[in-house]
Amino acid sequence: MNTAPPSPYERMILRLAFLAPDLQRDILAGLQPAGVNLEIFRTIEVPPAWSRQRIALGWEQARSPCSGEQYP
């Protein structure tokens, strides 16, 4: 029995469920680094370790909203 998502797109989207909770929260709030979008997840291998995800996706360097809004 195959339990993996059938298409490459579905497998890529499923990987987003394994992002660190704070990264998910920032993305939903529009606070991700400017270069982080769905397309980036097609081109990089997201590390399973949450600490390494932050480094790979640039969270350590960017702590400002991508929309130009200010943190409260």
Protein backbone atom coordinates (compact mmCIF):
# COMPACT_ATOMS: atom_id res chain seq x y z
CA MET A 1 0.00 0.00 0.00
CA ASN A 2 1.45 3.38 -1.09
CA THR A 3 0.71 6.18 1.37
CA ALA A 4 2.86 8.90 -0.25
CA PRO A 5 1.07 11.72 -2.08
CA PRO A 6 0.74 10.74 -5.74
CA SER A 7 2.04 13.88 -7.44
CA PRO A 8 5.31 15.79 -7.03
CA TYR A 9 3.32 18.98 -6.32
CA GLU A 10 1.43 17.32 -3.47
CA ARG A 11 4.68 15.97 -2.02
CA MET A 12 6.20 19.45 -2.15
CA ILE A 13 3.20 21.03 -0.42
CA LEU A 14 3.19 18.32 2.23
CA ARG A 15 6.75 19.27 3.20
CA LEU A 16 5.42 22.66 4.32
CA ALA A 17 3.54 20.90 7.13
CA PHE A 18 6.91 20.00 8.66
CA LEU A 19 8.18 23.57 8.93
CA ALA A 20 8.92 24.82 12.43
CA PRO A 21 5.76 26.25 14.04
CA ASP A 22 7.24 29.75 14.33
CA LEU A 23 8.14 29.72 10.64
CA GLN A 24 4.60 28.66 9.73
CA ARG A 25 3.22 31.43 11.95
CA ASP A 26 5.49 34.05 10.35
CA ILE A 27 4.54 32.91 6.83
CA LEU A 28 0.82 33.08 7.62
CA ALA A 29 1.32 36.58 9.07
CA GLY A 30 3.38 37.71 6.05
CA LEU A 31 6.51 38.11 8.14
CA GLN A 32 8.80 35.72 6.25
CA PRO A 33 12.06 36.94 4.69
CA ALA A 34 11.49 38.62 1.33
CA GLY A 35 12.87 35.72 -0.74
CA VAL A 36 10.74 33.04 0.92
CA ASN A 37 7.78 32.05 -1.23
CA LEU A 38 6.26 28.84 -2.53
CA GLU A 39 8.67 28.79 -5.45
CA ILE A 40 11.69 28.59 -3.13
CA PHE A 41 10.36 25.30 -1.76
CA ARG A 42 10.63 23.84 -5.26
CA THR A 43 14.31 24.67 -5.50
CA ILE A 44 15.76 23.84 -2.07
CA GLU A 45 15.74 20.83 0.18
CA VAL A 46 14.21 21.96 3.47
CA PRO A 47 16.14 20.43 6.38
CA PRO A 48 14.09 18.40 8.86
CA ALA A 49 15.72 20.09 11.90
CA TRP A 50 13.85 23.26 12.81
CA SER A 51 17.06 25.13 13.72
CA ARG A 52 18.52 24.33 10.29
CA GLN A 53 15.29 25.39 8.57
CA ARG A 54 15.69 28.87 10.03
CA ILE A 55 19.23 29.12 8.65
CA ALA A 56 18.40 27.61 5.22
CA LEU A 57 15.43 29.93 4.72
CA GLY A 58 17.10 33.07 6.06
CA TRP A 59 15.10 33.62 9.24
CA GLU A 60 18.24 34.36 11.24
CA GLN A 61 19.11 37.35 9.07
CA ALA A 62 15.64 38.76 8.47
CA ARG A 63 13.38 39.85 11.28
CA SER A 64 11.31 42.41 9.46
CA PRO A 65 7.99 41.91 7.65
CA CYS A 66 8.26 41.24 3.93
CA SER A 67 5.33 43.59 3.30
CA GLY A 68 7.16 46.60 4.72
CA GLU A 69 4.96 46.74 7.81
CA GLN A 70 6.56 47.19 11.20
CA TYR A 71 6.50 44.67 14.04
CA PRO A 72 4.14 45.74 16.83
